[in-house]
Protein backbone atom coordinates (compact mmCIF):
# COMPACT_ATOMS: atom_id res chain seq x y z
CA ALA A 1 -98.27 -137.21 102.72
CA LYS A 2 -97.47 -133.61 101.74
CA SER A 3 -94.12 -133.19 103.48
CA GLY A 4 -94.51 -131.23 106.69
CA GLN A 5 -94.69 -131.01 110.46
CA VAL A 6 -97.01 -133.20 112.48
CA PRO A 7 -100.44 -131.46 112.63
CA ARG A 8 -100.57 -131.99 116.29
CA ALA A 9 -103.23 -129.39 117.24
CA ALA A 10 -105.70 -130.67 114.64
CA LEU A 11 -105.20 -134.36 115.70
CA ASP A 12 -105.30 -133.72 119.41
CA ALA A 13 -108.74 -132.24 119.06
CA LYS A 14 -109.95 -135.46 117.58
CA VAL A 15 -108.33 -138.09 119.87
CA LYS A 16 -110.76 -140.75 120.75
CA GLY A 17 -110.31 -144.32 122.08
CA SER A 18 -112.23 -147.54 121.97
CA GLY A 19 -109.59 -150.31 122.71
CA THR A 20 -108.17 -151.10 126.10
CA ASP A 21 -104.65 -152.34 126.77
CA THR A 22 -105.92 -155.55 128.47
CA ASP A 23 -107.78 -156.48 125.19
CA THR A 24 -104.62 -156.33 123.08
CA PRO A 25 -103.26 -159.64 121.78
CA ASP A 26 -99.54 -160.35 121.47
CA GLU A 27 -99.78 -160.27 117.73
CA LEU A 28 -102.24 -159.17 115.09
CA ASP A 29 -102.61 -159.20 111.33
CA TRP A 30 -105.77 -157.77 109.74
CA ARG A 31 -104.76 -159.47 106.42
CA ASP A 32 -105.56 -162.84 108.03
CA MET A 33 -109.05 -161.64 108.87
CA GLY A 34 -109.79 -160.40 105.35
CA ALA A 35 -109.86 -156.66 106.07
CA VAL A 36 -107.12 -155.60 103.75
CA THR A 37 -107.35 -155.25 99.94
CA GLU A 38 -104.51 -156.13 97.51
CA VAL A 39 -101.38 -153.94 97.42
CA LYS A 40 -101.59 -151.10 94.95
CA ASP A 41 -98.90 -149.04 93.11
CA GLN A 42 -99.21 -145.24 93.30
CA GLY A 43 -96.72 -144.88 90.42
CA ALA A 44 -94.77 -141.52 90.10
CA LEU A 45 -97.49 -139.33 91.78
CA GLY A 46 -97.60 -138.20 95.40
CA SER A 47 -100.87 -140.00 96.03
CA CYS A 48 -99.85 -142.01 99.08
CA TRP A 49 -102.24 -139.95 101.32
CA ALA A 50 -105.22 -141.02 99.16
CA PHE A 51 -104.16 -144.70 99.26
CA SER A 52 -103.71 -144.63 103.04
CA THR A 53 -107.15 -143.16 103.47
CA ALA A 54 -108.78 -145.57 101.14
CA GLY A 55 -107.10 -148.44 102.91
CA ASN A 56 -108.42 -147.34 106.30
CA LEU A 57 -112.02 -146.97 104.99
CA GLU A 58 -111.83 -150.32 103.13
CA GLY A 59 -111.15 -151.99 106.44
CA GLN A 60 -113.87 -150.04 108.14
CA LEU A 61 -116.36 -150.96 105.42
CA PHE A 62 -115.44 -154.56 105.66
CA LEU A 63 -115.65 -154.65 109.49
CA SER A 64 -119.13 -153.03 109.31
CA GLY A 65 -120.34 -156.20 107.60
CA SER A 66 -119.90 -155.28 103.89
CA GLN A 67 -117.88 -157.07 101.21
CA LEU A 68 -114.16 -156.11 100.98
CA THR A 69 -113.98 -153.46 98.28
CA SER A 70 -111.19 -151.39 96.87
CA LEU A 71 -112.17 -147.72 97.12
CA SER A 72 -111.51 -144.83 94.75
CA VAL A 73 -108.16 -143.20 95.19
CA GLU A 74 -108.81 -141.29 92.05
CA GLN A 75 -111.86 -139.55 93.57
CA LEU A 76 -109.76 -138.27 96.38
CA LEU A 77 -107.12 -136.98 93.99
CA GLU A 78 -109.53 -135.24 91.65
CA CYS A 79 -112.15 -133.91 94.05
CA ASP A 80 -110.51 -133.33 97.46
CA SER A 81 -109.08 -129.81 97.89
CA SER A 82 -109.41 -129.74 101.74
CA TYR A 83 -106.98 -127.56 103.70
CA ASP A 84 -106.05 -126.59 107.25
CA VAL A 85 -104.67 -123.12 107.25
CA ALA A 86 -103.86 -123.18 110.96
CA GLN A 87 -101.58 -126.20 110.41
CA GLY A 88 -100.39 -125.14 106.99
CA HIS A 89 -101.61 -128.35 105.36
CA ALA A 90 -103.77 -129.10 102.31
CA ASP A 91 -104.78 -131.93 100.07
CA CYS A 92 -102.97 -131.21 96.81
CA GLY A 93 -103.99 -133.90 94.38
CA GLU A 94 -100.96 -135.60 92.88
CA PHE A 95 -98.64 -133.36 94.77
CA GLY A 96 -99.46 -134.78 98.20
CA GLY A 97 -102.00 -134.58 101.01
CA TRP A 98 -103.00 -135.63 104.51
CA PRO A 99 -105.39 -138.48 105.49
CA TYR A 100 -106.91 -136.50 108.30
CA LEU A 101 -108.04 -133.88 105.73
CA ALA A 102 -109.20 -136.58 103.27
CA MET A 103 -111.41 -138.11 106.12
CA GLN A 104 -113.18 -134.75 106.48
CA TYR A 105 -113.55 -134.55 102.66
CA VAL A 106 -115.25 -137.92 102.58
CA ILE A 107 -117.76 -136.78 105.22
CA ASP A 108 -118.41 -133.45 103.46
CA ALA A 109 -118.66 -135.02 100.01
CA GLY A 110 -121.24 -137.62 101.17
CA GLY A 111 -118.97 -140.60 100.59
CA LEU A 112 -116.36 -142.33 98.61
CA ARG A 113 -116.97 -144.36 95.42
CA SER A 114 -115.35 -147.78 94.73
CA ASP A 115 -112.25 -148.12 92.57
CA ALA A 116 -114.37 -150.12 90.09
CA VAL A 117 -116.60 -147.04 89.56
CA MET A 118 -113.80 -144.50 89.45
CA PRO A 119 -110.48 -146.42 88.97
CA TYR A 120 -107.01 -145.07 89.60
CA CYS A 121 -105.64 -143.77 86.41
CA ALA A 122 -103.47 -140.73 87.07
CA GLY A 123 -100.48 -142.71 88.34
CA ILE A 124 -100.46 -145.23 85.47
CA GLY A 125 -97.54 -144.60 83.15
CA TYR A 126 -98.00 -142.30 80.25
CA GLY A 127 -99.45 -144.17 77.26
CA GLN A 128 -100.29 -147.33 79.15
CA GLU A 129 -103.78 -148.84 79.23
CA GLY A 130 -105.97 -146.92 81.61
CA TYR A 131 -103.81 -143.88 81.80
CA CYS A 132 -105.46 -140.47 82.31
CA ILE A 133 -104.03 -136.96 82.48
CA PRO A 134 -103.40 -136.01 86.09
CA CYS A 135 -105.58 -133.06 87.01
CA MET A 136 -106.08 -130.95 90.14
CA PRO A 137 -109.20 -130.58 92.28
CA GLU A 138 -111.14 -127.37 91.99
CA GLY A 139 -110.14 -125.16 95.02
CA TYR A 140 -106.51 -126.33 94.70
CA SER A 141 -104.60 -124.01 97.14
CA LYS A 142 -101.47 -122.61 95.46
CA ALA A 143 -100.75 -120.90 98.74
CA LEU A 144 -100.52 -124.20 100.69
CA CYS A 145 -99.79 -126.66 97.85
CA GLY A 146 -97.31 -124.57 95.84
CA ASP A 147 -97.37 -122.96 92.40
CA TYR A 148 -95.78 -125.43 89.90
CA ASP A 149 -95.77 -123.03 86.96
CA ASP A 150 -92.01 -122.42 87.50
CA ASP A 151 -91.35 -126.09 86.87
CA ASP A 152 -93.49 -126.21 83.75
CA GLN A 153 -95.96 -128.47 85.68
CA ILE A 154 -99.00 -126.28 85.52
CA PRO A 155 -101.79 -128.17 87.17
CA LEU A 156 -104.71 -129.01 84.97
CA PHE A 157 -108.03 -128.62 86.82
CA CYS A 158 -110.38 -131.64 86.59
CA ASP A 159 -113.11 -130.71 84.17
CA GLU A 160 -116.23 -132.60 85.16
CA SER A 161 -117.66 -132.31 81.66
CA THR A 162 -114.75 -133.94 79.99
CA THR A 163 -112.89 -137.29 80.22
CA LEU A 164 -109.80 -135.78 81.88
CA GLY A 165 -110.77 -137.78 84.97
CA GLN A 166 -112.60 -141.09 85.44
CA GLY A 167 -115.90 -140.01 86.88
CA PRO A 168 -119.22 -139.15 85.10
CA ALA A 169 -120.13 -135.49 84.66
CA GLY A 170 -120.60 -133.86 87.99
CA TYR A 171 -118.85 -136.54 89.94
CA CYS A 172 -117.18 -134.22 92.26
CA SER A 173 -120.44 -132.28 93.16
CA ASN A 174 -122.69 -135.28 93.88
CA ALA A 175 -122.54 -138.47 95.93
CA ASP A 176 -124.08 -140.71 93.36
CA GLY A 177 -122.88 -144.35 93.59
CA VAL A 178 -120.68 -143.96 96.69
CA ALA A 179 -119.58 -147.25 98.27
CA VAL A 180 -118.91 -145.97 101.83
CA THR A 181 -119.98 -143.12 103.94
CA ILE A 182 -118.46 -142.10 107.28
CA ASN A 183 -119.97 -140.03 110.11
CA ASP A 184 -116.70 -138.73 111.73
CA TRP A 185 -113.09 -139.47 112.01
CA LYS A 186 -110.74 -139.88 115.00
CA ALA A 187 -107.08 -139.55 115.84
CA ILE A 188 -105.18 -141.90 118.18
CA SER A 189 -102.78 -140.83 120.85
CA THR A 190 -99.06 -141.14 120.23
CA ASN A 191 -98.69 -143.81 122.88
CA GLU A 192 -97.89 -147.05 120.96
CA THR A 193 -99.50 -149.34 123.44
CA THR A 194 -102.69 -147.38 122.90
CA ILE A 195 -102.21 -147.51 119.12
CA ALA A 196 -101.83 -151.32 119.30
CA ALA A 197 -105.04 -151.55 121.32
CA GLU A 198 -106.88 -149.32 118.87
CA LEU A 199 -105.59 -151.27 115.94
CA ALA A 200 -106.93 -154.50 117.46
CA ALA A 201 -110.23 -152.92 118.37
CA THR A 202 -111.04 -151.03 115.28
CA GLY A 203 -109.12 -152.31 112.29
CA PRO A 204 -106.40 -151.00 109.95
CA LEU A 205 -105.23 -147.48 110.68
CA SER A 206 -104.08 -144.67 108.41
CA ILE A 207 -100.66 -143.38 109.50
CA ALA A 208 -97.94 -141.08 108.30
CA LEU A 209 -94.23 -141.28 108.80
CA ASN A 210 -90.80 -140.07 107.60
CA ALA A 211 -89.98 -142.30 104.69
CA GLN A 212 -86.67 -140.66 103.66
CA ARG A 213 -84.73 -144.00 103.61
CA LEU A 214 -87.60 -146.36 103.18
CA GLN A 215 -86.87 -146.93 99.47
CA PHE A 216 -83.83 -148.92 100.53
CA TYR A 217 -85.90 -151.34 102.60
CA LYS A 218 -85.86 -154.90 101.47
CA SER A 219 -87.12 -157.16 104.29
CA GLY A 220 -87.08 -157.68 108.06
CA VAL A 221 -87.83 -155.23 110.81
CA TYR A 222 -86.83 -151.72 109.72
CA ASN A 223 -84.94 -150.14 112.63
CA PRO A 224 -83.50 -146.86 111.41
CA SER A 225 -80.66 -145.28 113.39
CA SER A 226 -81.62 -141.79 112.39
CA CYS A 227 -85.04 -140.57 111.12
CA ASN A 228 -86.68 -137.32 111.86
CA PRO A 229 -90.03 -138.17 113.52
CA ASP A 230 -91.26 -134.57 113.17
CA ASN A 231 -91.13 -134.31 109.43
CA LEU A 232 -93.70 -136.61 107.86
CA ASP A 233 -93.60 -137.17 104.13
CA HIS A 234 -95.39 -140.55 103.41
CA ALA A 235 -98.77 -142.03 104.36
CA VAL A 236 -99.36 -145.74 104.70
CA LEU A 237 -101.68 -148.26 106.31
CA MET A 238 -100.96 -149.97 109.63
CA VAL A 239 -102.45 -153.53 109.49
CA GLY A 240 -100.77 -155.45 112.35
CA PHE A 241 -98.02 -155.97 114.86
CA GLY A 242 -95.98 -158.68 116.44
CA THR A 243 -92.39 -159.48 117.63
CA ASP A 244 -89.42 -160.90 115.79
CA ASP A 245 -86.63 -160.47 118.35
CA ILE A 246 -87.89 -156.92 118.55
CA PRO A 247 -91.55 -155.55 118.56
CA TYR A 248 -92.68 -154.35 115.12
CA TRP A 249 -95.55 -152.86 113.24
CA THR A 250 -96.79 -154.44 109.99
CA ILE A 251 -97.49 -151.76 107.41
CA LYS A 252 -98.96 -151.83 103.91
CA ASN A 253 -97.34 -149.49 101.41
CA SER A 254 -98.47 -148.31 98.00
CA TRP A 255 -95.27 -148.99 96.00
CA GLY A 256 -96.41 -152.17 94.39
CA THR A 257 -95.82 -155.92 95.35
CA SER A 258 -92.21 -156.05 94.04
CA TRP A 259 -91.05 -153.66 96.88
CA GLY A 260 -90.31 -154.81 100.41
CA GLU A 261 -92.11 -157.83 101.77
CA ASP A 262 -94.64 -158.31 98.94
CA GLY A 263 -95.51 -154.64 99.16
CA TYR A 264 -95.45 -154.50 103.05
CA PHE A 265 -92.78 -153.58 105.52
CA ARG A 266 -92.25 -154.04 109.28
CA ILE A 267 -90.84 -151.20 111.44
CA VAL A 268 -89.69 -151.28 115.01
CA ARG A 269 -92.59 -150.75 117.47
CA GLY A 270 -92.41 -148.77 120.64
CA THR A 271 -89.72 -146.10 119.89
CA GLY A 272 -91.67 -143.67 117.82
CA ALA A 273 -89.46 -144.63 114.78
CA CYS A 274 -89.75 -142.14 111.92
CA GLY A 275 -92.82 -140.65 113.59
CA VAL A 276 -94.86 -143.74 112.98
CA ASN A 277 -96.95 -142.87 115.98
CA THR A 278 -97.58 -139.26 115.44
CA ALA A 279 -100.44 -139.02 112.89
CA VAL A 280 -102.68 -142.07 113.36
CA VAL A 281 -106.20 -141.66 112.18
CA SER A 282 -109.31 -143.64 111.27
CA GLY A 283 -112.69 -142.88 109.72
CA LEU A 284 -115.80 -143.78 111.73
CA ILE A 285 -118.78 -145.45 109.92
């Protein structure tokens, strides 16, 4: 996520529920039910928000009766310049973004393509097979995203008539070949019992948290002694929950399979650890 405060007002306006506490199992793992694609690696870019969004919509697409399909993170990076002035947040391509804004982009754009049609290339190491030059979506907000000129990181804007990006000409201005469309998006309340019920009822959920110390995680249930829940800087995908002496959430990261528990981590459930409960959203097909 683009580091910042919880966009509470924007999320509260979209809180909806479908699960009930009485329907919630003691443990759940959507991987076992085939609703989660393979772990990806975002590379050196701040593209976690796009992976989190795509992961949620992959689950929603599968649970609607379609084949499990990896969706295009690259389309979100190159085409989504959504912003929320009231909250001071924006989707800033490789420099970060917010899943709740990306959900609205998918609605407005008419859908999201598959990764096969528009593969992730901006985060692949320079010179490696499949690499493309990272570029910024038209409408990129310097006011909300920052002006990187001072760091000699002048954003290149995605030129739809060239091969800077991975889509065909005009890919940001039309909805040709989309794999999924959504009608709306919802936010879940911060109550973790409600989140568990919603996860069980509707599939994997897009979340954001404070990941300041997460790079040191190896395995087990992450139970940080200090972690600011009000400053979110990383978006991931919640796929399950259970208990291993203490209750935990199972979460899919986008740092490759060599990190954590084969690309996943578990974090203590029920304490609001690292703000894991503060920005939970899902698309609605």
